[in-house]
Amino acid sequence: MQTAIGYIRVSTDGQVTDGVSLDAQRERIGAWCLANGYAMADVFVDAGLSGGRSDNRPGLQSALDAVCKVRGVLVVYSLSRLARSTKDTIAIGERLDKSQADLVSLSERIDTTSAAGKMMFRMLAVLAEFERDQISERTSTAMKFKAAKGERVGKVPFGFDLSADGVTLVPNEAQQEAVTLIRELREGGASLRDIAAELNKRQIPTKEGKPWTHSTIQRIVSRAA
């Protein structure tokens, strides 16, 4: 008989708002194990803990350790009891898969012991990746648009100051002279470290007042390219 590990959780007011108490979750998990021929070795509990993060719930971490050790199946009442974010759900699924363990969520009828269940998890992973790519694309487009308008993108770069409106970048004359020197030295074949040494020798200050390094020079050269 295969081994099942149960995991149940309610948040502080979960029993009132969801109507799914710890006992009700435990009963549903036990019934599934009985109907499907699984031996329920243990049930781990997180009572009064939010599902916002998975790494701060000791019951969940113990359940994952136990089910991965025996290569069994982790049974939960619903994915909302397991994790609130797609990211955490996928991470848990990947951990189980690497350990050759499975996941069953009773409410969503997800069962990774079946081909259909595995497909559902893969679809979740694709959707999560698509969401991350969209966010990255929107961020990149917005940053390029702001940079084209001469507006601040992240930290104020060397060679510029932030205007009174808190958005627009205005050239800093002294720093622009240093940028011109850096460009000329680089075009003359000087290495990044040699340029940093030369600027330190001339006591030209960085924006933070720290010594010049090759990485600082690299950022300026890349921006000027």
N, C-alpha and C. Protein backbone atom coordinates (compact mmCIF):
# COMPACT_ATOMS: atom_id res chain seq x y z
N MET A 1 0.85 -1.20 0.00
CA MET A 1 0.00 0.00 0.00
C MET A 1 0.88 1.25 0.00
N GLN A 2 0.55 2.20 -0.88
CA GLN A 2 1.34 3.42 -0.98
C GLN A 2 1.05 4.35 0.19
N THR A 3 2.03 5.23 0.45
CA THR A 3 1.95 6.11 1.62
C THR A 3 1.46 7.51 1.23
N ALA A 4 0.57 8.05 2.04
CA ALA A 4 0.09 9.42 1.87
C ALA A 4 0.44 10.23 3.10
N ILE A 5 0.75 11.49 2.86
CA ILE A 5 0.99 12.47 3.92
C ILE A 5 -0.04 13.58 3.75
N GLY A 6 -0.76 13.87 4.81
CA GLY A 6 -1.75 14.94 4.73
C GLY A 6 -1.19 16.25 5.23
N TYR A 7 -1.69 17.35 4.65
CA TYR A 7 -1.33 18.68 5.15
C TYR A 7 -2.61 19.51 5.23
N ILE A 8 -2.84 20.10 6.41
CA ILE A 8 -4.03 20.92 6.61
C ILE A 8 -3.63 22.26 7.23
N ARG A 9 -4.42 23.30 6.90
CA ARG A 9 -4.10 24.64 7.40
C ARG A 9 -5.37 25.48 7.48
N VAL A 10 -5.43 26.31 8.50
CA VAL A 10 -6.40 27.40 8.54
C VAL A 10 -5.66 28.65 8.98
N SER A 11 -6.07 29.79 8.43
CA SER A 11 -5.51 31.05 8.89
C SER A 11 -6.23 31.44 10.17
N THR A 12 -5.91 32.60 10.72
CA THR A 12 -6.49 33.00 12.00
C THR A 12 -8.01 32.96 11.98
N ASP A 13 -8.61 33.51 10.88
CA ASP A 13 -10.07 33.50 10.79
C ASP A 13 -10.56 32.53 9.74
N GLY A 14 -9.69 31.60 9.34
CA GLY A 14 -10.02 30.69 8.25
C GLY A 14 -11.23 29.83 8.50
N GLN A 15 -11.39 29.36 9.72
CA GLN A 15 -12.51 28.46 10.00
C GLN A 15 -13.84 29.18 9.86
N VAL A 16 -13.84 30.48 10.13
CA VAL A 16 -15.08 31.25 10.04
C VAL A 16 -15.40 31.61 8.61
N THR A 17 -14.39 32.15 7.88
CA THR A 17 -14.63 32.66 6.54
C THR A 17 -14.72 31.55 5.50
N ASP A 18 -13.95 30.52 5.63
CA ASP A 18 -13.93 29.44 4.64
C ASP A 18 -14.89 28.31 4.96
N GLY A 19 -15.20 28.15 6.22
CA GLY A 19 -16.08 27.05 6.62
C GLY A 19 -15.41 25.70 6.49
N VAL A 20 -14.10 25.67 6.41
CA VAL A 20 -13.38 24.41 6.27
C VAL A 20 -12.42 24.28 7.44
N SER A 21 -12.85 23.68 8.49
CA SER A 21 -12.04 23.56 9.69
C SER A 21 -10.94 22.54 9.50
N LEU A 22 -10.03 22.50 10.46
CA LEU A 22 -8.96 21.51 10.43
C LEU A 22 -9.53 20.10 10.44
N ASP A 23 -10.56 19.89 11.26
CA ASP A 23 -11.17 18.56 11.34
C ASP A 23 -11.82 18.16 10.02
N ALA A 24 -12.47 19.14 9.37
CA ALA A 24 -13.12 18.85 8.09
C ALA A 24 -12.09 18.50 7.02
N GLN A 25 -10.99 19.22 7.01
CA GLN A 25 -9.93 18.93 6.05
C GLN A 25 -9.34 17.54 6.30
N ARG A 26 -9.09 17.26 7.58
CA ARG A 26 -8.53 15.96 7.94
C ARG A 26 -9.46 14.81 7.52
N GLU A 27 -10.76 15.02 7.71
CA GLU A 27 -11.74 13.99 7.36
C GLU A 27 -11.77 13.75 5.85
N ARG A 28 -11.73 14.83 5.06
CA ARG A 28 -11.75 14.69 3.60
C ARG A 28 -10.50 13.97 3.10
N ILE A 29 -9.35 14.32 3.67
CA ILE A 29 -8.09 13.67 3.27
C ILE A 29 -8.12 12.19 3.62
N GLY A 30 -8.62 11.88 4.83
CA GLY A 30 -8.71 10.48 5.26
C GLY A 30 -9.63 9.68 4.36
N ALA A 31 -10.74 10.31 3.94
CA ALA A 31 -11.69 9.62 3.07
C ALA A 31 -11.07 9.33 1.71
N TRP A 32 -10.28 10.27 1.19
CA TRP A 32 -9.63 10.05 -0.11
C TRP A 32 -8.63 8.90 -0.02
N CYS A 33 -7.86 8.88 1.06
CA CYS A 33 -6.88 7.81 1.24
C CYS A 33 -7.56 6.45 1.30
N LEU A 34 -8.67 6.37 2.03
CA LEU A 34 -9.40 5.12 2.17
C LEU A 34 -9.97 4.66 0.83
N ALA A 35 -10.50 5.61 0.06
CA ALA A 35 -11.14 5.27 -1.21
C ALA A 35 -10.13 4.88 -2.28
N ASN A 36 -8.90 5.40 -2.15
CA ASN A 36 -7.90 5.19 -3.20
C ASN A 36 -6.79 4.23 -2.80
N GLY A 37 -6.94 3.59 -1.64
CA GLY A 37 -5.98 2.57 -1.23
C GLY A 37 -4.64 3.09 -0.77
N TYR A 38 -4.63 4.27 -0.11
CA TYR A 38 -3.39 4.84 0.42
C TYR A 38 -3.40 4.75 1.95
N ALA A 39 -2.25 4.49 2.51
CA ALA A 39 -2.10 4.49 3.97
C ALA A 39 -1.67 5.89 4.41
N MET A 40 -2.49 6.54 5.22
CA MET A 40 -2.16 7.89 5.66
C MET A 40 -1.19 7.79 6.84
N ALA A 41 0.09 8.07 6.57
CA ALA A 41 1.11 7.91 7.59
C ALA A 41 1.06 9.03 8.63
N ASP A 42 0.72 10.24 8.19
CA ASP A 42 0.73 11.36 9.13
C ASP A 42 -0.03 12.53 8.51
N VAL A 43 -0.46 13.44 9.36
CA VAL A 43 -1.09 14.68 8.92
C VAL A 43 -0.40 15.83 9.64
N PHE A 44 0.14 16.75 8.90
CA PHE A 44 0.83 17.90 9.47
C PHE A 44 -0.08 19.12 9.42
N VAL A 45 0.04 19.94 10.45
CA VAL A 45 -0.92 21.03 10.63
C VAL A 45 -0.21 22.37 10.81
N ASP A 46 -0.76 23.40 10.17
CA ASP A 46 -0.41 24.79 10.44
C ASP A 46 -1.71 25.49 10.83
N ALA A 47 -1.87 25.77 12.09
CA ALA A 47 -3.10 26.40 12.57
C ALA A 47 -2.84 27.87 12.86
N GLY A 48 -3.68 28.73 12.32
CA GLY A 48 -3.54 30.16 12.57
C GLY A 48 -2.40 30.80 11.82
N LEU A 49 -2.02 30.20 10.68
CA LEU A 49 -0.93 30.77 9.88
C LEU A 49 -1.43 31.10 8.48
N SER A 50 -1.03 32.27 7.98
CA SER A 50 -1.40 32.68 6.64
C SER A 50 -0.69 31.83 5.61
N GLY A 51 -1.32 31.70 4.43
CA GLY A 51 -0.71 30.96 3.34
C GLY A 51 0.08 31.84 2.40
N GLY A 52 0.33 33.10 2.82
CA GLY A 52 1.04 34.03 1.95
C GLY A 52 2.42 33.56 1.56
N ARG A 53 3.12 32.87 2.46
CA ARG A 53 4.45 32.34 2.17
C ARG A 53 4.50 30.89 2.61
N SER A 54 5.29 30.10 1.87
CA SER A 54 5.40 28.68 2.22
C SER A 54 6.58 28.40 3.13
N ASP A 55 7.57 29.30 3.15
CA ASP A 55 8.79 29.00 3.90
C ASP A 55 8.68 29.31 5.39
N ASN A 56 7.58 29.95 5.81
CA ASN A 56 7.43 30.25 7.24
C ASN A 56 6.34 29.43 7.90
N ARG A 57 6.02 28.26 7.29
CA ARG A 57 5.02 27.36 7.86
C ARG A 57 5.68 26.04 8.20
N PRO A 58 5.99 25.81 9.47
CA PRO A 58 6.70 24.59 9.87
C PRO A 58 5.96 23.31 9.54
N GLY A 59 4.62 23.33 9.63
CA GLY A 59 3.85 22.14 9.31
C GLY A 59 4.02 21.74 7.86
N LEU A 60 3.98 22.71 6.97
CA LEU A 60 4.14 22.43 5.54
C LEU A 60 5.54 21.91 5.25
N GLN A 61 6.55 22.53 5.82
CA GLN A 61 7.92 22.08 5.58
C GLN A 61 8.13 20.65 6.08
N SER A 62 7.53 20.33 7.23
CA SER A 62 7.63 18.96 7.76
C SER A 62 6.91 17.97 6.86
N ALA A 63 5.75 18.39 6.34
CA ALA A 63 4.98 17.52 5.44
C ALA A 63 5.77 17.25 4.16
N LEU A 64 6.39 18.27 3.62
CA LEU A 64 7.19 18.10 2.40
C LEU A 64 8.38 17.19 2.65
N ASP A 65 9.05 17.40 3.78
CA ASP A 65 10.19 16.53 4.12
C ASP A 65 9.75 15.07 4.22
N ALA A 66 8.61 14.85 4.88
CA ALA A 66 8.13 13.49 5.11
C ALA A 66 7.73 12.81 3.81
N VAL A 67 6.98 13.50 2.97
CA VAL A 67 6.48 12.87 1.74
C VAL A 67 7.60 12.65 0.74
N CYS A 68 8.58 13.56 0.71
CA CYS A 68 9.72 13.37 -0.20
C CYS A 68 10.58 12.19 0.25
N LYS A 69 10.67 12.00 1.55
CA LYS A 69 11.48 10.91 2.09
C LYS A 69 10.92 9.55 1.69
N VAL A 70 9.61 9.43 1.71
CA VAL A 70 9.00 8.13 1.41
C VAL A 70 8.52 8.03 -0.04
N ARG A 71 8.70 9.11 -0.79
CA ARG A 71 8.24 9.16 -2.19
C ARG A 71 6.76 8.82 -2.28
N GLY A 72 6.01 9.42 -1.38
CA GLY A 72 4.57 9.16 -1.33
C GLY A 72 3.79 10.25 -2.03
N VAL A 73 2.58 10.50 -1.56
CA VAL A 73 1.72 11.53 -2.15
C VAL A 73 1.29 12.50 -1.05
N LEU A 74 1.42 13.77 -1.33
CA LEU A 74 0.98 14.82 -0.40
C LEU A 74 -0.46 15.16 -0.75
N VAL A 75 -1.35 15.03 0.23
CA VAL A 75 -2.77 15.27 0.00
C VAL A 75 -3.22 16.51 0.76
N VAL A 76 -3.83 17.45 0.03
CA VAL A 76 -4.34 18.68 0.64
C VAL A 76 -5.79 18.86 0.25
N TYR A 77 -6.52 19.61 1.05
CA TYR A 77 -7.93 19.85 0.74
C TYR A 77 -8.08 20.71 -0.51
N SER A 78 -7.23 21.75 -0.62
CA SER A 78 -7.26 22.62 -1.80
C SER A 78 -5.90 23.28 -1.95
N LEU A 79 -5.63 23.80 -3.15
CA LEU A 79 -4.36 24.48 -3.38
C LEU A 79 -4.23 25.73 -2.52
N SER A 80 -5.36 26.34 -2.16
CA SER A 80 -5.30 27.53 -1.31
C SER A 80 -4.81 27.19 0.09
N ARG A 81 -5.00 25.95 0.52
CA ARG A 81 -4.46 25.51 1.81
C ARG A 81 -2.95 25.29 1.70
N LEU A 82 -2.51 24.93 0.48
CA LEU A 82 -1.09 24.65 0.26
C LEU A 82 -0.29 25.93 0.07
N ALA A 83 -0.75 26.81 -0.80
CA ALA A 83 -0.03 28.05 -1.09
C ALA A 83 -0.98 29.05 -1.71
N ARG A 84 -0.69 30.33 -1.50
CA ARG A 84 -1.51 31.38 -2.06
C ARG A 84 -1.00 31.88 -3.41
N SER A 85 0.28 31.72 -3.66
CA SER A 85 0.85 32.23 -4.91
C SER A 85 1.18 31.09 -5.86
N THR A 86 1.08 31.39 -7.16
CA THR A 86 1.43 30.40 -8.18
C THR A 86 2.89 30.02 -8.05
N LYS A 87 3.73 31.01 -7.74
CA LYS A 87 5.17 30.77 -7.59
C LYS A 87 5.44 29.71 -6.54
N ASP A 88 4.84 29.84 -5.37
CA ASP A 88 5.05 28.86 -4.30
C ASP A 88 4.47 27.50 -4.68
N THR A 89 3.30 27.50 -5.34
CA THR A 89 2.68 26.25 -5.74
C THR A 89 3.58 25.48 -6.70
N ILE A 90 4.13 26.20 -7.68
CA ILE A 90 5.01 25.56 -8.66
C ILE A 90 6.29 25.07 -7.99
N ALA A 91 6.84 25.87 -7.09
CA ALA A 91 8.07 25.48 -6.39
C ALA A 91 7.85 24.19 -5.59
N ILE A 92 6.70 24.10 -4.93
CA ILE A 92 6.38 22.90 -4.17
C ILE A 92 6.23 21.71 -5.11
N GLY A 93 5.54 21.93 -6.24
CA GLY A 93 5.37 20.86 -7.21
C GLY A 93 6.70 20.36 -7.76
N GLU A 94 7.62 21.30 -8.03
CA GLU A 94 8.93 20.90 -8.55
C GLU A 94 9.72 20.12 -7.51
N ARG A 95 9.60 20.52 -6.24
CA ARG A 95 10.32 19.80 -5.18
C ARG A 95 9.79 18.37 -5.07
N LEU A 96 8.48 18.22 -5.14
CA LEU A 96 7.89 16.89 -5.06
C LEU A 96 8.31 16.04 -6.26
N ASP A 97 8.31 16.64 -7.44
CA ASP A 97 8.66 15.90 -8.65
C ASP A 97 10.10 15.40 -8.60
N LYS A 98 11.01 16.25 -8.12
CA LYS A 98 12.42 15.86 -8.02
C LYS A 98 12.62 14.68 -7.06
N SER A 99 11.76 14.59 -6.07
CA SER A 99 11.86 13.50 -5.09
C SER A 99 10.99 12.30 -5.46
N GLN A 100 10.37 12.39 -6.64
CA GLN A 100 9.48 11.32 -7.11
C GLN A 100 8.28 11.14 -6.18
N ALA A 101 7.84 12.26 -5.64
CA ALA A 101 6.62 12.27 -4.83
C ALA A 101 5.52 12.95 -5.65
N ASP A 102 4.29 12.82 -5.18
CA ASP A 102 3.15 13.37 -5.93
C ASP A 102 2.31 14.28 -5.05
N LEU A 103 1.37 14.95 -5.72
CA LEU A 103 0.49 15.88 -5.03
C LEU A 103 -0.95 15.62 -5.44
N VAL A 104 -1.84 15.63 -4.46
CA VAL A 104 -3.28 15.54 -4.72
C VAL A 104 -3.96 16.71 -4.02
N SER A 105 -4.72 17.48 -4.80
CA SER A 105 -5.53 18.55 -4.23
C SER A 105 -6.99 18.19 -4.49
N LEU A 106 -7.73 17.95 -3.43
CA LEU A 106 -9.07 17.40 -3.56
C LEU A 106 -10.05 18.37 -4.22
N SER A 107 -10.02 19.64 -3.87
CA SER A 107 -10.98 20.60 -4.40
C SER A 107 -10.81 20.81 -5.90
N GLU A 108 -9.56 20.94 -6.35
CA GLU A 108 -9.30 21.17 -7.78
C GLU A 108 -9.20 19.88 -8.60
N ARG A 109 -9.29 18.75 -7.91
CA ARG A 109 -9.16 17.44 -8.57
C ARG A 109 -7.83 17.32 -9.32
N ILE A 110 -6.79 17.84 -8.72
CA ILE A 110 -5.45 17.70 -9.28
C ILE A 110 -4.79 16.50 -8.63
N ASP A 111 -4.29 15.61 -9.46
CA ASP A 111 -3.66 14.38 -8.98
C ASP A 111 -2.48 14.09 -9.88
N THR A 112 -1.27 14.40 -9.39
CA THR A 112 -0.09 14.23 -10.25
C THR A 112 0.36 12.78 -10.36
N THR A 113 -0.41 11.87 -9.75
CA THR A 113 -0.13 10.45 -10.00
C THR A 113 -0.69 10.06 -11.37
N SER A 114 -1.48 10.94 -11.97
CA SER A 114 -2.05 10.68 -13.29
C SER A 114 -1.43 11.61 -14.33
N ALA A 115 -1.53 11.24 -15.60
CA ALA A 115 -1.01 12.06 -16.69
C ALA A 115 -1.74 13.40 -16.76
N ALA A 116 -3.05 13.39 -16.53
CA ALA A 116 -3.83 14.62 -16.58
C ALA A 116 -3.40 15.58 -15.47
N GLY A 117 -3.12 15.04 -14.29
CA GLY A 117 -2.68 15.87 -13.18
C GLY A 117 -1.33 16.52 -13.45
N LYS A 118 -0.43 15.75 -14.02
CA LYS A 118 0.89 16.29 -14.37
C LYS A 118 0.73 17.40 -15.41
N MET A 119 -0.18 17.22 -16.36
CA MET A 119 -0.42 18.22 -17.38
C MET A 119 -0.91 19.53 -16.74
N MET A 120 -1.79 19.42 -15.76
CA MET A 120 -2.31 20.60 -15.08
C MET A 120 -1.19 21.39 -14.43
N PHE A 121 -0.27 20.67 -13.80
CA PHE A 121 0.83 21.36 -13.14
C PHE A 121 1.75 22.02 -14.16
N ARG A 122 1.97 21.36 -15.29
CA ARG A 122 2.79 21.95 -16.34
C ARG A 122 2.14 23.21 -16.90
N MET A 123 0.82 23.18 -17.01
CA MET A 123 0.10 24.36 -17.50
C MET A 123 0.26 25.52 -16.52
N LEU A 124 0.21 25.22 -15.23
CA LEU A 124 0.42 26.26 -14.22
C LEU A 124 1.82 26.84 -14.34
N ALA A 125 2.80 25.98 -14.60
CA ALA A 125 4.18 26.45 -14.73
C ALA A 125 4.33 27.35 -15.94
N VAL A 126 3.70 26.97 -17.06
CA VAL A 126 3.77 27.79 -18.28
C VAL A 126 3.12 29.13 -18.05
N LEU A 127 1.95 29.13 -17.40
CA LEU A 127 1.26 30.39 -17.12
C LEU A 127 2.07 31.29 -16.21
N ALA A 128 2.74 30.70 -15.22
CA ALA A 128 3.57 31.48 -14.30
C ALA A 128 4.75 32.10 -15.04
N GLU A 129 5.37 31.31 -15.93
CA GLU A 129 6.50 31.84 -16.70
C GLU A 129 6.03 32.95 -17.64
N PHE A 130 4.86 32.77 -18.26
CA PHE A 130 4.31 33.78 -19.15
C PHE A 130 4.06 35.08 -18.39
N GLU A 131 3.55 34.97 -17.17
CA GLU A 131 3.29 36.15 -16.35
C GLU A 131 4.59 36.88 -16.03
N ARG A 132 5.64 36.12 -15.69
CA ARG A 132 6.94 36.75 -15.39
C ARG A 132 7.50 37.45 -16.62
N ASP A 133 7.37 36.81 -17.80
CA ASP A 133 7.89 37.41 -19.02
C ASP A 133 7.15 38.70 -19.37
N GLN A 134 5.84 38.70 -19.15
CA GLN A 134 5.06 39.91 -19.43
C GLN A 134 5.48 41.06 -18.53
N ILE A 135 5.68 40.77 -17.26
CA ILE A 135 6.11 41.81 -16.31
C ILE A 135 7.46 42.35 -16.72
N SER A 136 8.38 41.45 -17.09
CA SER A 136 9.72 41.87 -17.51
C SER A 136 9.66 42.72 -18.76
N GLU A 137 8.81 42.33 -19.70
CA GLU A 137 8.67 43.07 -20.96
C GLU A 137 8.12 44.46 -20.72
N ARG A 138 7.09 44.55 -19.87
CA ARG A 138 6.50 45.86 -19.57
C ARG A 138 7.50 46.76 -18.86
N THR A 139 8.26 46.19 -17.94
CA THR A 139 9.26 46.97 -17.21
C THR A 139 10.34 47.49 -18.14
N SER A 140 10.82 46.62 -19.04
CA SER A 140 11.88 47.01 -19.98
C SER A 140 11.40 48.12 -20.90
N THR A 141 10.17 48.01 -21.39
CA THR A 141 9.61 49.02 -22.28
C THR A 141 9.48 50.36 -21.57
N ALA A 142 9.00 50.31 -20.34
CA ALA A 142 8.81 51.54 -19.56
C ALA A 142 10.15 52.22 -19.28
N MET A 143 11.17 51.43 -18.96
CA MET A 143 12.48 52.00 -18.67
C MET A 143 13.10 52.63 -19.91
N LYS A 144 12.95 51.97 -21.07
CA LYS A 144 13.48 52.54 -22.31
C LYS A 144 12.77 53.84 -22.65
N PHE A 145 11.46 53.89 -22.43
CA PHE A 145 10.69 55.10 -22.71
C PHE A 145 11.14 56.25 -21.82
N LYS A 146 11.34 55.96 -20.54
CA LYS A 146 11.78 56.99 -19.61
C LYS A 146 13.18 57.48 -19.97
N ALA A 147 14.07 56.54 -20.32
CA ALA A 147 15.44 56.91 -20.67
C ALA A 147 15.46 57.78 -21.92
N ALA A 148 14.60 57.45 -22.91
CA ALA A 148 14.54 58.24 -24.15
C ALA A 148 14.07 59.66 -23.89
N LYS A 149 13.27 59.84 -22.84
CA LYS A 149 12.78 61.17 -22.49
C LYS A 149 13.74 61.91 -21.56
N GLY A 150 14.86 61.25 -21.24
CA GLY A 150 15.82 61.88 -20.35
C GLY A 150 15.39 61.87 -18.90
N GLU A 151 14.53 60.91 -18.57
CA GLU A 151 14.05 60.81 -17.19
C GLU A 151 14.85 59.77 -16.43
N ARG A 152 14.76 59.85 -15.13
CA ARG A 152 15.49 58.95 -14.27
C ARG A 152 15.04 57.51 -14.42
N VAL A 153 15.99 56.59 -14.51
CA VAL A 153 15.73 55.15 -14.54
C VAL A 153 16.62 54.52 -13.48
N GLY A 154 16.03 54.14 -12.35
CA GLY A 154 16.82 53.58 -11.25
C GLY A 154 17.64 54.68 -10.58
N LYS A 155 18.90 54.37 -10.27
CA LYS A 155 19.78 55.35 -9.64
C LYS A 155 20.16 56.44 -10.63
N VAL A 156 20.43 57.61 -10.12
CA VAL A 156 20.89 58.70 -10.98
C VAL A 156 22.29 58.37 -11.47
N PRO A 157 22.48 58.26 -12.79
CA PRO A 157 23.78 57.84 -13.31
C PRO A 157 24.85 58.92 -13.18
N PHE A 158 26.10 58.48 -13.18
CA PHE A 158 27.21 59.41 -13.14
C PHE A 158 27.16 60.28 -14.39
N GLY A 159 27.36 61.58 -14.20
CA GLY A 159 27.29 62.52 -15.30
C GLY A 159 26.01 63.34 -15.30
N PHE A 160 25.10 62.98 -14.39
CA PHE A 160 23.81 63.68 -14.33
C PHE A 160 23.41 63.96 -12.89
N ASP A 161 22.53 64.93 -12.73
CA ASP A 161 21.88 65.21 -11.46
C ASP A 161 20.38 65.14 -11.68
N LEU A 162 19.65 65.00 -10.60
CA LEU A 162 18.19 64.95 -10.68
C LEU A 162 17.64 66.36 -10.52
N SER A 163 16.78 66.76 -11.45
CA SER A 163 16.22 68.11 -11.39
C SER A 163 15.24 68.22 -10.24
N ALA A 164 14.75 69.43 -10.04
CA ALA A 164 13.85 69.70 -8.92
C ALA A 164 12.54 68.95 -9.02
N ASP A 165 12.16 68.53 -10.26
CA ASP A 165 10.89 67.81 -10.40
C ASP A 165 10.99 66.35 -9.95
N GLY A 166 12.23 65.91 -9.61
CA GLY A 166 12.42 64.55 -9.13
C GLY A 166 12.33 63.49 -10.19
N VAL A 167 12.28 63.88 -11.46
CA VAL A 167 12.14 62.93 -12.57
C VAL A 167 13.20 63.14 -13.64
N THR A 168 13.35 64.38 -14.09
CA THR A 168 14.22 64.68 -15.22
C THR A 168 15.69 64.71 -14.82
N LEU A 169 16.54 64.17 -15.69
CA LEU A 169 17.98 64.20 -15.48
C LEU A 169 18.58 65.42 -16.18
N VAL A 170 19.48 66.11 -15.49
CA VAL A 170 20.18 67.26 -16.07
C VAL A 170 21.67 66.99 -16.00
N PRO A 171 22.43 67.34 -17.05
CA PRO A 171 23.87 67.07 -17.07
C PRO A 171 24.60 67.78 -15.94
N ASN A 172 25.55 67.06 -15.34
CA ASN A 172 26.45 67.63 -14.35
C ASN A 172 27.76 67.93 -15.09
N GLU A 173 28.12 69.20 -15.22
CA GLU A 173 29.23 69.62 -16.07
C GLU A 173 30.54 68.94 -15.69
N ALA A 174 30.88 68.93 -14.42
CA ALA A 174 32.15 68.35 -13.98
C ALA A 174 32.17 66.84 -14.25
N GLN A 175 31.06 66.17 -13.97
CA GLN A 175 31.00 64.74 -14.19
C GLN A 175 30.99 64.40 -15.69
N GLN A 176 30.40 65.26 -16.50
CA GLN A 176 30.41 65.05 -17.94
C GLN A 176 31.83 65.13 -18.50
N GLU A 177 32.64 66.00 -17.90
CA GLU A 177 34.06 66.08 -18.31
C GLU A 177 34.77 64.77 -17.99
N ALA A 178 34.43 64.18 -16.84
CA ALA A 178 35.03 62.89 -16.47
C ALA A 178 34.57 61.79 -17.41
N VAL A 179 33.31 61.84 -17.82
CA VAL A 179 32.79 60.85 -18.77
C VAL A 179 33.53 60.96 -20.10
N THR A 180 33.78 62.20 -20.54
CA THR A 180 34.52 62.41 -21.78
C THR A 180 35.94 61.85 -21.66
N LEU A 181 36.57 62.06 -20.51
CA LEU A 181 37.92 61.53 -20.28
C LEU A 181 37.91 60.00 -20.32
N ILE A 182 36.92 59.41 -19.67
CA ILE A 182 36.80 57.94 -19.65
C ILE A 182 36.66 57.41 -21.08
N ARG A 183 35.81 58.07 -21.86
CA ARG A 183 35.59 57.62 -23.24
C ARG A 183 36.89 57.72 -24.06
N GLU A 184 37.61 58.84 -23.88
CA GLU A 184 38.85 59.04 -24.64
C GLU A 184 39.91 58.01 -24.25
N LEU A 185 40.03 57.73 -22.95
CA LEU A 185 41.00 56.74 -22.50
C LEU A 185 40.65 55.35 -23.02
N ARG A 186 39.36 55.04 -23.01
CA ARG A 186 38.93 53.73 -23.49
C ARG A 186 39.20 53.58 -24.98
N GLU A 187 38.89 54.65 -25.75
CA GLU A 187 39.13 54.60 -27.19
C GLU A 187 40.62 54.53 -27.51
N GLY A 188 41.44 55.01 -26.56
CA GLY A 188 42.89 54.95 -26.74
C GLY A 188 43.48 53.61 -26.37
N GLY A 189 42.62 52.66 -25.93
CA GLY A 189 43.08 51.31 -25.64
C GLY A 189 43.32 51.02 -24.17
N ALA A 190 43.03 51.96 -23.29
CA ALA A 190 43.24 51.73 -21.86
C ALA A 190 42.23 50.71 -21.33
N SER A 191 42.68 49.86 -20.40
CA SER A 191 41.78 48.89 -19.79
C SER A 191 40.90 49.57 -18.75
N LEU A 192 39.86 48.88 -18.33
CA LEU A 192 38.96 49.44 -17.32
C LEU A 192 39.70 49.73 -16.02
N ARG A 193 40.59 48.83 -15.64
CA ARG A 193 41.37 49.02 -14.41
C ARG A 193 42.33 50.19 -14.54
N ASP A 194 42.93 50.35 -15.73
CA ASP A 194 43.85 51.48 -15.95
C ASP A 194 43.10 52.81 -15.88
N ILE A 195 41.89 52.83 -16.43
CA ILE A 195 41.08 54.06 -16.38
C ILE A 195 40.72 54.39 -14.95
N ALA A 196 40.31 53.37 -14.17
CA ALA A 196 39.96 53.60 -12.76
C ALA A 196 41.16 54.14 -12.01
N ALA A 197 42.35 53.59 -12.27
CA ALA A 197 43.57 54.05 -11.59
C ALA A 197 43.88 55.50 -11.95
N GLU A 198 43.67 55.85 -13.22
CA GLU A 198 43.95 57.21 -13.67
C GLU A 198 43.01 58.22 -13.01
N LEU A 199 41.74 57.87 -12.92
CA LEU A 199 40.77 58.78 -12.29
C LEU A 199 41.05 58.93 -10.80
N ASN A 200 41.45 57.83 -10.15
CA ASN A 200 41.81 57.91 -8.73
C ASN A 200 43.05 58.78 -8.55
N LYS A 201 43.99 58.63 -9.47
CA LYS A 201 45.24 59.42 -9.42
C LYS A 201 44.94 60.90 -9.53
N ARG A 202 43.98 61.25 -10.39
CA ARG A 202 43.60 62.66 -10.59
C ARG A 202 42.63 63.16 -9.53
N GLN A 203 42.25 62.25 -8.62
CA GLN A 203 41.33 62.57 -7.52
C GLN A 203 39.99 63.10 -8.03
N ILE A 204 39.54 62.50 -9.12
CA ILE A 204 38.21 62.83 -9.63
C ILE A 204 37.20 62.00 -8.84
N PRO A 205 36.26 62.64 -8.18
CA PRO A 205 35.34 61.89 -7.30
C PRO A 205 34.27 61.11 -8.07
N THR A 206 33.89 59.98 -7.53
CA THR A 206 32.73 59.26 -8.04
C THR A 206 31.48 59.92 -7.46
N LYS A 207 30.32 59.49 -7.92
CA LYS A 207 29.08 60.08 -7.41
C LYS A 207 28.89 59.77 -5.93
N GLU A 208 29.38 58.59 -5.49
CA GLU A 208 29.23 58.21 -4.07
C GLU A 208 30.42 58.62 -3.22
N GLY A 209 31.45 59.18 -3.85
CA GLY A 209 32.63 59.58 -3.11
C GLY A 209 33.57 58.44 -2.80
N LYS A 210 33.36 57.29 -3.43
CA LYS A 210 34.22 56.13 -3.21
C LYS A 210 35.27 56.04 -4.30
N PRO A 211 36.34 55.25 -4.09
CA PRO A 211 37.36 55.09 -5.14
C PRO A 211 36.77 54.46 -6.40
N TRP A 212 37.35 54.80 -7.55
CA TRP A 212 36.93 54.21 -8.81
C TRP A 212 37.35 52.75 -8.88
N THR A 213 36.49 51.94 -9.48
CA THR A 213 36.81 50.53 -9.71
C THR A 213 36.50 50.21 -11.18
N HIS A 214 37.00 49.07 -11.64
CA HIS A 214 36.76 48.71 -13.04
C HIS A 214 35.28 48.50 -13.33
N SER A 215 34.53 48.02 -12.32
CA SER A 215 33.10 47.79 -12.53
C SER A 215 32.35 49.12 -12.66
N THR A 216 32.78 50.14 -11.91
CA THR A 216 32.17 51.46 -12.01
C THR A 216 32.42 52.04 -13.40
N ILE A 217 33.63 51.88 -13.89
CA ILE A 217 33.97 52.35 -15.23
C ILE A 217 33.16 51.60 -16.28
N GLN A 218 32.98 50.30 -16.08
CA GLN A 218 32.22 49.48 -17.03
C GLN A 218 30.80 49.99 -17.19
N ARG A 219 30.15 50.36 -16.09
CA ARG A 219 28.77 50.86 -16.17
C ARG A 219 28.71 52.15 -16.96
N ILE A 220 29.70 53.02 -16.77
CA ILE A 220 29.70 54.29 -17.48
C ILE A 220 29.98 54.07 -18.98
N VAL A 221 30.92 53.19 -19.26
CA VAL A 221 31.25 52.89 -20.67
C VAL A 221 30.05 52.27 -21.37
N SER A 222 29.35 51.36 -20.69
CA SER A 222 28.20 50.70 -21.29
C SER A 222 27.07 51.70 -21.56
N ARG A 223 26.89 52.62 -20.63
CA ARG A 223 25.84 53.63 -20.80
C ARG A 223 26.18 54.58 -21.96
N ALA A 224 27.46 54.91 -22.10
CA ALA A 224 27.88 55.86 -23.13
C ALA A 224 27.90 55.22 -24.52
N ALA A 225 27.91 53.89 -24.56
CA ALA A 225 28.01 53.19 -25.87
C ALA A 225 26.76 53.41 -26.73
